[in-house]
Amino acid sequence: MVMLKCAFASVYHRAKELKARFGSFLRRQDWSLPCLSYKGGKPRPSLEECLQWRESFERLLSSKHGLYAFRAFLISEFSEENITFYLACEDFKRTKSAAKLLSKAEKIYNEFIGNEAPREVNIDHETQEITRANVSHPTLSCFELAQHRIYILMEKDCYPRFLRSTRYRDLVSQLTLAQQKSKCQKKA
């Protein structure tokens, strides 16, 4: 009986992981060159903007194009839940209606933190318990600790990998070439 429970738990956790990964895969678009795969003449980032992303993680997140590129990178690594949770918390903090706080808090908790969360983020047990208690009586800061932990995780782990990634380096290279080509055409 104990072996059966352990086997079921293992299968259950694997199914949960596959569900989260498959869900991200279904939401994928064209990730071959983030920020350059714009259709319909939408603007793309400048070389200067892309280079500013190296200055700080905050600078990357404050850029619309940077956030898009970083999210695409996380999707390619099957860790999109981190940025999605972070952004959900940012949206939650802007909630104006006290009546919506509880439902939004429960939705975020169930999606990212709860025991059977389909997109569970990697936070320690203590942070999980503090957040669970906070959600029972939500305030605009009830996810602050968990959000901070995920921010630090992304800043220390995902952000450096993003900057070293082929995708980011290719983007900078292509924008450098485009800028050089533009300067040559202006001189001619």
N, C-alpha and C. Protein backbone atom coordinates (compact mmCIF):
# COMPACT_ATOMS: atom_id res chain seq x y z
N MET A 1 0.82 -1.20 0.00
CA MET A 1 0.00 0.00 0.00
C MET A 1 0.87 1.26 0.00
N VAL A 2 1.92 1.26 0.83
CA VAL A 2 2.82 2.40 0.90
C VAL A 2 3.52 2.61 -0.44
N MET A 3 3.94 1.50 -1.07
CA MET A 3 4.61 1.60 -2.37
C MET A 3 3.66 2.17 -3.42
N LEU A 4 2.40 1.78 -3.33
CA LEU A 4 1.40 2.27 -4.28
C LEU A 4 1.20 3.78 -4.11
N LYS A 5 1.16 4.24 -2.85
CA LYS A 5 1.02 5.67 -2.58
C LYS A 5 2.22 6.44 -3.11
N CYS A 6 3.41 5.91 -2.91
CA CYS A 6 4.62 6.57 -3.39
C CYS A 6 4.63 6.63 -4.92
N ALA A 7 4.24 5.54 -5.55
CA ALA A 7 4.19 5.50 -7.01
C ALA A 7 3.16 6.50 -7.53
N PHE A 8 2.00 6.56 -6.87
CA PHE A 8 0.97 7.52 -7.28
C PHE A 8 1.46 8.95 -7.12
N ALA A 9 2.13 9.23 -6.01
CA ALA A 9 2.65 10.59 -5.77
C ALA A 9 3.66 10.96 -6.84
N SER A 10 4.51 10.02 -7.20
CA SER A 10 5.51 10.28 -8.24
C SER A 10 4.85 10.56 -9.59
N VAL A 11 3.87 9.75 -9.94
CA VAL A 11 3.16 9.93 -11.20
C VAL A 11 2.38 11.25 -11.18
N TYR A 12 1.78 11.55 -10.04
CA TYR A 12 1.01 12.78 -9.90
C TYR A 12 1.90 14.01 -10.11
N HIS A 13 3.07 14.02 -9.46
CA HIS A 13 3.98 15.17 -9.60
C HIS A 13 4.51 15.28 -11.02
N ARG A 14 4.77 14.16 -11.66
CA ARG A 14 5.25 14.19 -13.05
C ARG A 14 4.14 14.72 -13.97
N ALA A 15 2.90 14.30 -13.74
CA ALA A 15 1.78 14.79 -14.55
C ALA A 15 1.59 16.29 -14.35
N LYS A 16 1.73 16.75 -13.13
CA LYS A 16 1.61 18.17 -12.82
C LYS A 16 2.69 18.97 -13.56
N GLU A 17 3.91 18.44 -13.55
CA GLU A 17 5.02 19.10 -14.25
C GLU A 17 4.76 19.14 -15.76
N LEU A 18 4.31 18.03 -16.31
CA LEU A 18 4.02 18.00 -17.75
C LEU A 18 2.89 18.94 -18.12
N LYS A 19 1.88 19.03 -17.26
CA LYS A 19 0.77 19.94 -17.51
C LYS A 19 1.27 21.38 -17.58
N ALA A 20 2.12 21.76 -16.65
CA ALA A 20 2.66 23.12 -16.63
C ALA A 20 3.51 23.38 -17.87
N ARG A 21 4.35 22.43 -18.23
CA ARG A 21 5.19 22.60 -19.41
C ARG A 21 4.37 22.61 -20.69
N PHE A 22 3.40 21.72 -20.78
CA PHE A 22 2.58 21.66 -21.98
C PHE A 22 1.76 22.93 -22.13
N GLY A 23 1.27 23.46 -21.01
CA GLY A 23 0.50 24.71 -21.04
C GLY A 23 1.34 25.85 -21.59
N SER A 24 2.60 25.94 -21.15
CA SER A 24 3.49 26.98 -21.67
C SER A 24 3.76 26.76 -23.15
N PHE A 25 3.91 25.52 -23.55
CA PHE A 25 4.18 25.22 -24.95
C PHE A 25 3.01 25.64 -25.84
N LEU A 26 1.79 25.43 -25.38
CA LEU A 26 0.63 25.81 -26.16
C LEU A 26 0.52 27.31 -26.32
N ARG A 27 0.99 28.07 -25.35
CA ARG A 27 0.92 29.53 -25.43
C ARG A 27 2.07 30.12 -26.23
N ARG A 28 3.02 29.29 -26.64
CA ARG A 28 4.18 29.78 -27.40
C ARG A 28 3.78 30.39 -28.72
N GLN A 29 4.58 31.33 -29.14
CA GLN A 29 4.45 31.88 -30.47
C GLN A 29 5.76 31.57 -31.18
N ASP A 30 6.25 32.48 -31.98
CA ASP A 30 7.53 32.28 -32.65
C ASP A 30 8.63 32.85 -31.77
N TRP A 31 9.43 31.97 -31.18
CA TRP A 31 10.47 32.42 -30.25
C TRP A 31 11.85 32.40 -30.89
N SER A 32 11.92 32.25 -32.20
CA SER A 32 13.22 32.13 -32.83
C SER A 32 14.09 33.36 -32.59
N LEU A 33 13.56 34.52 -32.74
CA LEU A 33 14.28 35.75 -32.43
C LEU A 33 13.35 36.72 -31.73
N PRO A 34 13.28 36.65 -30.41
CA PRO A 34 12.38 37.56 -29.72
C PRO A 34 12.74 39.00 -30.07
N CYS A 35 11.73 39.80 -30.16
CA CYS A 35 11.84 41.23 -30.46
C CYS A 35 12.13 41.50 -31.93
N LEU A 36 12.54 40.51 -32.70
CA LEU A 36 12.78 40.73 -34.12
C LEU A 36 11.72 40.05 -34.96
N SER A 37 10.89 39.25 -34.34
CA SER A 37 9.88 38.52 -35.09
C SER A 37 8.56 39.28 -35.13
N TYR A 38 8.63 40.59 -35.02
CA TYR A 38 7.43 41.41 -35.07
C TYR A 38 6.84 41.37 -36.48
N LYS A 39 5.55 41.32 -36.54
CA LYS A 39 4.83 41.32 -37.81
C LYS A 39 4.12 42.66 -37.96
N GLY A 40 3.85 43.03 -39.18
CA GLY A 40 3.03 44.21 -39.42
C GLY A 40 3.70 45.53 -39.09
N GLY A 41 5.03 45.59 -39.16
CA GLY A 41 5.71 46.85 -38.98
C GLY A 41 5.75 47.37 -37.55
N LYS A 42 5.51 46.53 -36.58
CA LYS A 42 5.59 46.98 -35.18
C LYS A 42 7.04 47.34 -34.86
N PRO A 43 7.24 48.31 -34.00
CA PRO A 43 8.61 48.72 -33.69
C PRO A 43 9.37 47.63 -32.94
N ARG A 44 10.67 47.61 -33.15
CA ARG A 44 11.53 46.69 -32.42
C ARG A 44 12.46 47.52 -31.56
N PRO A 45 13.13 46.91 -30.61
CA PRO A 45 13.99 47.69 -29.72
C PRO A 45 15.19 48.24 -30.47
N SER A 46 15.71 49.32 -29.94
CA SER A 46 16.95 49.88 -30.50
C SER A 46 18.13 49.12 -29.90
N LEU A 47 19.27 49.27 -30.53
CA LEU A 47 20.49 48.66 -30.01
C LEU A 47 20.78 49.22 -28.62
N GLU A 48 20.60 50.53 -28.45
CA GLU A 48 20.87 51.17 -27.16
C GLU A 48 19.99 50.59 -26.06
N GLU A 49 18.72 50.37 -26.40
CA GLU A 49 17.81 49.78 -25.41
C GLU A 49 18.26 48.38 -25.01
N CYS A 50 18.62 47.57 -26.00
CA CYS A 50 19.07 46.20 -25.70
C CYS A 50 20.34 46.19 -24.86
N LEU A 51 21.23 47.11 -25.14
CA LEU A 51 22.47 47.19 -24.36
C LEU A 51 22.20 47.66 -22.94
N GLN A 52 21.18 48.48 -22.76
CA GLN A 52 20.82 48.95 -21.41
C GLN A 52 20.31 47.80 -20.54
N TRP A 53 19.79 46.76 -21.15
CA TRP A 53 19.31 45.62 -20.38
C TRP A 53 20.42 45.00 -19.56
N ARG A 54 21.66 45.16 -19.99
CA ARG A 54 22.81 44.60 -19.26
C ARG A 54 23.07 45.35 -17.96
N GLU A 55 22.60 46.59 -17.87
CA GLU A 55 22.89 47.42 -16.71
C GLU A 55 22.28 46.88 -15.42
N SER A 56 21.05 46.39 -15.51
CA SER A 56 20.41 45.84 -14.32
C SER A 56 19.17 45.03 -14.72
N PHE A 57 18.80 44.15 -13.83
CA PHE A 57 17.60 43.35 -14.04
C PHE A 57 16.38 44.26 -14.06
N GLU A 58 16.39 45.27 -13.20
CA GLU A 58 15.28 46.22 -13.15
C GLU A 58 15.13 46.94 -14.49
N ARG A 59 16.24 47.30 -15.11
CA ARG A 59 16.22 47.98 -16.41
C ARG A 59 15.60 47.06 -17.47
N LEU A 60 15.93 45.78 -17.40
CA LEU A 60 15.35 44.81 -18.34
C LEU A 60 13.84 44.73 -18.16
N LEU A 61 13.39 44.61 -16.92
CA LEU A 61 11.96 44.46 -16.65
C LEU A 61 11.17 45.73 -16.95
N SER A 62 11.82 46.88 -16.89
CA SER A 62 11.11 48.14 -17.13
C SER A 62 10.95 48.44 -18.63
N SER A 63 11.59 47.65 -19.46
CA SER A 63 11.50 47.81 -20.91
C SER A 63 10.45 46.85 -21.46
N LYS A 64 9.52 47.36 -22.24
CA LYS A 64 8.49 46.51 -22.85
C LYS A 64 9.14 45.42 -23.69
N HIS A 65 10.11 45.80 -24.51
CA HIS A 65 10.80 44.84 -25.36
C HIS A 65 11.66 43.89 -24.54
N GLY A 66 12.30 44.42 -23.49
CA GLY A 66 13.12 43.59 -22.62
C GLY A 66 12.29 42.53 -21.91
N LEU A 67 11.13 42.94 -21.42
CA LEU A 67 10.24 42.00 -20.76
C LEU A 67 9.78 40.92 -21.73
N TYR A 68 9.47 41.31 -22.96
CA TYR A 68 9.05 40.35 -23.98
C TYR A 68 10.17 39.35 -24.26
N ALA A 69 11.40 39.86 -24.45
CA ALA A 69 12.53 38.99 -24.75
C ALA A 69 12.84 38.07 -23.57
N PHE A 70 12.79 38.60 -22.36
CA PHE A 70 13.08 37.80 -21.16
C PHE A 70 12.03 36.72 -20.98
N ARG A 71 10.78 37.08 -21.18
CA ARG A 71 9.70 36.09 -21.06
C ARG A 71 9.86 34.98 -22.10
N ALA A 72 10.19 35.36 -23.33
CA ALA A 72 10.42 34.36 -24.37
C ALA A 72 11.57 33.43 -23.98
N PHE A 73 12.61 33.99 -23.40
CA PHE A 73 13.73 33.19 -22.93
C PHE A 73 13.28 32.21 -21.85
N LEU A 74 12.51 32.69 -20.88
CA LEU A 74 12.03 31.82 -19.80
C LEU A 74 11.12 30.71 -20.34
N ILE A 75 10.30 31.04 -21.32
CA ILE A 75 9.45 30.02 -21.94
C ILE A 75 10.32 28.94 -22.56
N SER A 76 11.37 29.35 -23.24
CA SER A 76 12.25 28.37 -23.88
C SER A 76 12.94 27.47 -22.86
N GLU A 77 13.06 27.94 -21.63
CA GLU A 77 13.67 27.16 -20.56
C GLU A 77 12.63 26.50 -19.64
N PHE A 78 11.38 26.59 -20.01
CA PHE A 78 10.29 26.02 -19.22
C PHE A 78 10.24 26.57 -17.80
N SER A 79 10.51 27.86 -17.65
CA SER A 79 10.41 28.48 -16.32
C SER A 79 9.65 29.80 -16.39
N GLU A 80 8.69 29.86 -17.28
CA GLU A 80 7.89 31.07 -17.46
C GLU A 80 7.07 31.40 -16.22
N GLU A 81 6.80 30.41 -15.38
CA GLU A 81 5.95 30.66 -14.21
C GLU A 81 6.54 31.74 -13.31
N ASN A 82 7.86 31.89 -13.32
CA ASN A 82 8.49 32.90 -12.45
C ASN A 82 8.09 34.32 -12.86
N ILE A 83 8.25 34.66 -14.11
CA ILE A 83 7.91 36.01 -14.55
C ILE A 83 6.40 36.22 -14.55
N THR A 84 5.65 35.17 -14.85
CA THR A 84 4.20 35.29 -14.84
C THR A 84 3.69 35.56 -13.43
N PHE A 85 4.26 34.87 -12.44
CA PHE A 85 3.90 35.11 -11.04
C PHE A 85 4.29 36.53 -10.64
N TYR A 86 5.50 36.94 -10.98
CA TYR A 86 5.96 38.28 -10.64
C TYR A 86 5.01 39.35 -11.21
N LEU A 87 4.64 39.20 -12.47
CA LEU A 87 3.75 40.17 -13.11
C LEU A 87 2.33 40.12 -12.54
N ALA A 88 1.88 38.92 -12.17
CA ALA A 88 0.56 38.80 -11.53
C ALA A 88 0.55 39.54 -10.20
N CYS A 89 1.66 39.46 -9.46
CA CYS A 89 1.77 40.19 -8.18
C CYS A 89 1.78 41.69 -8.41
N GLU A 90 2.47 42.14 -9.46
CA GLU A 90 2.48 43.57 -9.79
C GLU A 90 1.07 44.05 -10.11
N ASP A 91 0.35 43.25 -10.88
CA ASP A 91 -1.03 43.59 -11.22
C ASP A 91 -1.90 43.59 -9.95
N PHE A 92 -1.69 42.61 -9.09
CA PHE A 92 -2.45 42.51 -7.85
C PHE A 92 -2.27 43.77 -6.99
N LYS A 93 -1.05 44.29 -6.93
CA LYS A 93 -0.77 45.48 -6.12
C LYS A 93 -1.48 46.72 -6.65
N ARG A 94 -1.92 46.69 -7.88
CA ARG A 94 -2.65 47.82 -8.46
C ARG A 94 -4.17 47.66 -8.33
N THR A 95 -4.62 46.64 -7.64
CA THR A 95 -6.05 46.39 -7.47
C THR A 95 -6.66 47.53 -6.66
N LYS A 96 -7.66 48.16 -7.22
CA LYS A 96 -8.32 49.30 -6.55
C LYS A 96 -9.49 48.86 -5.68
N SER A 97 -10.17 47.81 -6.10
CA SER A 97 -11.38 47.37 -5.42
C SER A 97 -11.06 46.38 -4.30
N ALA A 98 -11.47 46.73 -3.10
CA ALA A 98 -11.27 45.83 -1.96
C ALA A 98 -12.05 44.54 -2.15
N ALA A 99 -13.17 44.62 -2.87
CA ALA A 99 -14.00 43.43 -3.11
C ALA A 99 -13.28 42.41 -3.99
N LYS A 100 -12.38 42.87 -4.85
CA LYS A 100 -11.66 41.96 -5.77
C LYS A 100 -10.40 41.38 -5.15
N LEU A 101 -9.94 41.92 -4.03
CA LEU A 101 -8.69 41.47 -3.43
C LEU A 101 -8.70 39.98 -3.12
N LEU A 102 -9.73 39.50 -2.45
CA LEU A 102 -9.77 38.10 -2.04
C LEU A 102 -9.77 37.17 -3.24
N SER A 103 -10.61 37.44 -4.24
CA SER A 103 -10.67 36.53 -5.39
C SER A 103 -9.37 36.55 -6.18
N LYS A 104 -8.78 37.72 -6.36
CA LYS A 104 -7.50 37.79 -7.09
C LYS A 104 -6.39 37.10 -6.29
N ALA A 105 -6.38 37.31 -4.98
CA ALA A 105 -5.35 36.68 -4.14
C ALA A 105 -5.47 35.16 -4.20
N GLU A 106 -6.68 34.65 -4.09
CA GLU A 106 -6.88 33.20 -4.15
C GLU A 106 -6.48 32.64 -5.51
N LYS A 107 -6.80 33.38 -6.57
CA LYS A 107 -6.45 32.91 -7.91
C LYS A 107 -4.93 32.81 -8.06
N ILE A 108 -4.21 33.83 -7.64
CA ILE A 108 -2.74 33.82 -7.73
C ILE A 108 -2.17 32.70 -6.86
N TYR A 109 -2.69 32.59 -5.64
CA TYR A 109 -2.19 31.55 -4.73
C TYR A 109 -2.41 30.16 -5.31
N ASN A 110 -3.61 29.90 -5.80
CA ASN A 110 -3.93 28.57 -6.35
C ASN A 110 -3.14 28.26 -7.62
N GLU A 111 -2.84 29.26 -8.40
CA GLU A 111 -2.11 29.04 -9.65
C GLU A 111 -0.61 28.85 -9.44
N PHE A 112 -0.03 29.55 -8.44
CA PHE A 112 1.42 29.57 -8.33
C PHE A 112 2.01 29.03 -7.02
N ILE A 113 1.23 28.98 -5.96
CA ILE A 113 1.82 28.67 -4.65
C ILE A 113 1.20 27.45 -3.97
N GLY A 114 -0.08 27.26 -4.13
CA GLY A 114 -0.78 26.19 -3.43
C GLY A 114 -0.21 24.81 -3.71
N ASN A 115 -0.64 23.83 -2.91
CA ASN A 115 -0.13 22.46 -3.00
C ASN A 115 -0.30 21.84 -4.39
N GLU A 116 -1.39 22.12 -5.05
CA GLU A 116 -1.62 21.54 -6.38
C GLU A 116 -1.56 22.61 -7.46
N ALA A 117 -0.74 23.62 -7.25
CA ALA A 117 -0.63 24.72 -8.20
C ALA A 117 -0.09 24.22 -9.55
N PRO A 118 -0.80 24.50 -10.64
CA PRO A 118 -0.35 24.02 -11.95
C PRO A 118 0.93 24.70 -12.44
N ARG A 119 1.22 25.90 -11.94
CA ARG A 119 2.43 26.64 -12.36
C ARG A 119 3.23 27.03 -11.12
N GLU A 120 3.46 26.07 -10.28
CA GLU A 120 4.08 26.32 -8.98
C GLU A 120 5.45 26.96 -9.11
N VAL A 121 5.65 28.04 -8.34
CA VAL A 121 6.95 28.71 -8.29
C VAL A 121 7.79 28.10 -7.18
N ASN A 122 9.09 28.26 -7.29
CA ASN A 122 10.02 27.64 -6.37
C ASN A 122 10.31 28.58 -5.19
N ILE A 123 9.51 28.44 -4.14
CA ILE A 123 9.75 29.20 -2.91
C ILE A 123 9.85 28.23 -1.75
N ASP A 124 10.54 28.64 -0.70
CA ASP A 124 10.71 27.78 0.46
C ASP A 124 9.39 27.61 1.21
N HIS A 125 9.35 26.59 2.05
CA HIS A 125 8.12 26.24 2.79
C HIS A 125 7.67 27.38 3.70
N GLU A 126 8.61 28.04 4.36
CA GLU A 126 8.25 29.13 5.27
C GLU A 126 7.57 30.27 4.51
N THR A 127 8.13 30.64 3.37
CA THR A 127 7.53 31.70 2.55
C THR A 127 6.15 31.27 2.06
N GLN A 128 6.02 30.01 1.71
CA GLN A 128 4.74 29.48 1.26
C GLN A 128 3.70 29.59 2.37
N GLU A 129 4.08 29.25 3.58
CA GLU A 129 3.15 29.31 4.71
C GLU A 129 2.77 30.75 5.06
N ILE A 130 3.73 31.64 5.04
CA ILE A 130 3.46 33.05 5.32
C ILE A 130 2.49 33.61 4.28
N THR A 131 2.73 33.26 3.04
CA THR A 131 1.86 33.74 1.95
C THR A 131 0.46 33.15 2.09
N ARG A 132 0.37 31.87 2.44
CA ARG A 132 -0.94 31.25 2.63
C ARG A 132 -1.72 31.99 3.72
N ALA A 133 -1.06 32.30 4.81
CA ALA A 133 -1.72 33.04 5.90
C ALA A 133 -2.12 34.44 5.44
N ASN A 134 -1.27 35.09 4.67
CA ASN A 134 -1.57 36.43 4.17
C ASN A 134 -2.78 36.43 3.25
N VAL A 135 -2.92 35.40 2.44
CA VAL A 135 -4.02 35.33 1.48
C VAL A 135 -5.36 35.16 2.18
N SER A 136 -5.35 34.58 3.37
CA SER A 136 -6.62 34.42 4.09
C SER A 136 -7.23 35.77 4.50
N HIS A 137 -6.39 36.78 4.64
CA HIS A 137 -6.83 38.15 4.92
C HIS A 137 -6.00 39.08 4.03
N PRO A 138 -6.31 39.09 2.73
CA PRO A 138 -5.42 39.76 1.77
C PRO A 138 -5.36 41.28 1.91
N THR A 139 -4.16 41.77 1.71
CA THR A 139 -3.90 43.19 1.56
C THR A 139 -3.08 43.32 0.27
N LEU A 140 -2.83 44.53 -0.15
CA LEU A 140 -2.06 44.72 -1.38
C LEU A 140 -0.63 44.19 -1.27
N SER A 141 -0.17 43.95 -0.06
CA SER A 141 1.20 43.45 0.13
C SER A 141 1.26 41.97 0.51
N CYS A 142 0.18 41.24 0.37
CA CYS A 142 0.16 39.85 0.86
C CYS A 142 1.12 38.92 0.10
N PHE A 143 1.52 39.26 -1.11
CA PHE A 143 2.45 38.43 -1.88
C PHE A 143 3.87 39.00 -1.87
N GLU A 144 4.10 40.04 -1.10
CA GLU A 144 5.37 40.75 -1.14
C GLU A 144 6.58 39.85 -0.91
N LEU A 145 6.54 39.01 0.11
CA LEU A 145 7.67 38.14 0.41
C LEU A 145 7.90 37.13 -0.71
N ALA A 146 6.85 36.46 -1.15
CA ALA A 146 7.00 35.46 -2.22
C ALA A 146 7.47 36.12 -3.52
N GLN A 147 6.92 37.29 -3.83
CA GLN A 147 7.32 37.99 -5.04
C GLN A 147 8.80 38.39 -4.95
N HIS A 148 9.22 38.84 -3.79
CA HIS A 148 10.63 39.22 -3.60
C HIS A 148 11.54 38.00 -3.80
N ARG A 149 11.16 36.86 -3.27
CA ARG A 149 11.97 35.63 -3.42
C ARG A 149 12.10 35.26 -4.91
N ILE A 150 11.01 35.36 -5.65
CA ILE A 150 11.05 35.03 -7.08
C ILE A 150 11.86 36.07 -7.85
N TYR A 151 11.73 37.32 -7.49
CA TYR A 151 12.52 38.37 -8.13
C TYR A 151 14.02 38.08 -7.95
N ILE A 152 14.42 37.76 -6.73
CA ILE A 152 15.83 37.47 -6.43
C ILE A 152 16.28 36.23 -7.21
N LEU A 153 15.45 35.21 -7.26
CA LEU A 153 15.77 34.01 -8.02
C LEU A 153 16.01 34.35 -9.49
N MET A 154 15.12 35.14 -10.08
CA MET A 154 15.28 35.51 -11.49
C MET A 154 16.52 36.38 -11.67
N GLU A 155 16.73 37.33 -10.76
CA GLU A 155 17.87 38.25 -10.88
C GLU A 155 19.21 37.52 -10.77
N LYS A 156 19.29 36.56 -9.86
CA LYS A 156 20.56 35.86 -9.62
C LYS A 156 20.78 34.68 -10.56
N ASP A 157 19.71 34.10 -11.07
CA ASP A 157 19.84 32.88 -11.87
C ASP A 157 19.45 33.09 -13.34
N CYS A 158 18.21 33.47 -13.58
CA CYS A 158 17.69 33.56 -14.95
C CYS A 158 18.27 34.73 -15.73
N TYR A 159 18.37 35.88 -15.10
CA TYR A 159 18.86 37.09 -15.77
C TYR A 159 20.29 36.92 -16.31
N PRO A 160 21.25 36.41 -15.52
CA PRO A 160 22.59 36.20 -16.08
C PRO A 160 22.59 35.20 -17.25
N ARG A 161 21.77 34.16 -17.14
CA ARG A 161 21.68 33.19 -18.25
C ARG A 161 21.08 33.84 -19.48
N PHE A 162 20.10 34.71 -19.29
CA PHE A 162 19.50 35.44 -20.42
C PHE A 162 20.57 36.27 -21.13
N LEU A 163 21.38 37.00 -20.36
CA LEU A 163 22.41 37.85 -20.96
C LEU A 163 23.48 37.03 -21.69
N ARG A 164 23.72 35.80 -21.25
CA ARG A 164 24.70 34.93 -21.92
C ARG A 164 24.08 34.12 -23.05
N SER A 165 22.76 34.18 -23.17
CA SER A 165 22.07 33.31 -24.14
C SER A 165 22.38 33.70 -25.58
N THR A 166 22.28 32.72 -26.43
CA THR A 166 22.45 32.93 -27.87
C THR A 166 21.41 33.91 -28.37
N ARG A 167 20.21 33.81 -27.88
CA ARG A 167 19.13 34.70 -28.33
C ARG A 167 19.46 36.16 -28.08
N TYR A 168 19.92 36.47 -26.89
CA TYR A 168 20.25 37.86 -26.58
C TYR A 168 21.45 38.32 -27.40
N ARG A 169 22.48 37.50 -27.45
CA ARG A 169 23.67 37.88 -28.23
C ARG A 169 23.33 38.06 -29.71
N ASP A 170 22.49 37.18 -30.26
CA ASP A 170 22.07 37.31 -31.66
C ASP A 170 21.27 38.59 -31.88
N LEU A 171 20.42 38.91 -30.94
CA LEU A 171 19.63 40.13 -31.05
C LEU A 171 20.54 41.36 -31.09
N VAL A 172 21.50 41.42 -30.18
CA VAL A 172 22.44 42.55 -30.15
C VAL A 172 23.25 42.59 -31.44
N SER A 173 23.69 41.44 -31.91
CA SER A 173 24.47 41.39 -33.16
C SER A 173 23.65 41.88 -34.35
N GLN A 174 22.42 41.43 -34.44
CA GLN A 174 21.57 41.83 -35.56
C GLN A 174 21.24 43.32 -35.51
N LEU A 175 21.00 43.83 -34.33
CA LEU A 175 20.72 45.26 -34.20
C LEU A 175 21.96 46.10 -34.48
N THR A 176 23.13 45.58 -34.10
CA THR A 176 24.39 46.27 -34.40
C THR A 176 24.60 46.35 -35.91
N LEU A 177 24.38 45.23 -36.58
CA LEU A 177 24.52 45.20 -38.04
C LEU A 177 23.51 46.14 -38.70
N ALA A 178 22.29 46.12 -38.23
CA ALA A 178 21.26 46.99 -38.80
C ALA A 178 21.63 48.46 -38.61
N GLN A 179 22.17 48.79 -37.45
CA GLN A 179 22.57 50.18 -37.18
C GLN A 179 23.74 50.59 -38.08
N GLN A 180 24.70 49.69 -38.24
CA GLN A 180 25.85 49.98 -39.11
C GLN A 180 25.39 50.15 -40.56
N LYS A 181 24.49 49.31 -41.00
CA LYS A 181 23.97 49.39 -42.37
C LYS A 181 23.23 50.71 -42.57
N SER A 182 22.46 51.11 -41.58
CA SER A 182 21.72 52.37 -41.65
C SER A 182 22.67 53.56 -41.73
N LYS A 183 23.76 53.53 -40.95
CA LYS A 183 24.75 54.62 -40.98
C LYS A 183 25.44 54.69 -42.34
N CYS A 184 25.74 53.54 -42.92
CA CYS A 184 26.38 53.50 -44.24
C CYS A 184 25.46 54.06 -45.31
N GLN A 185 24.18 53.73 -45.20
CA GLN A 185 23.21 54.22 -46.20
C GLN A 185 23.03 55.74 -46.09
N LYS A 186 23.11 56.27 -44.89
CA LYS A 186 22.97 57.71 -44.70
C LYS A 186 24.17 58.46 -45.27
N LYS A 187 25.37 57.85 -45.19
CA LYS A 187 26.57 58.48 -45.71
C LYS A 187 26.58 58.48 -47.25
N ALA A 188 25.92 57.48 -47.82
CA ALA A 188 25.95 57.35 -49.30
C ALA A 188 25.02 58.27 -50.00
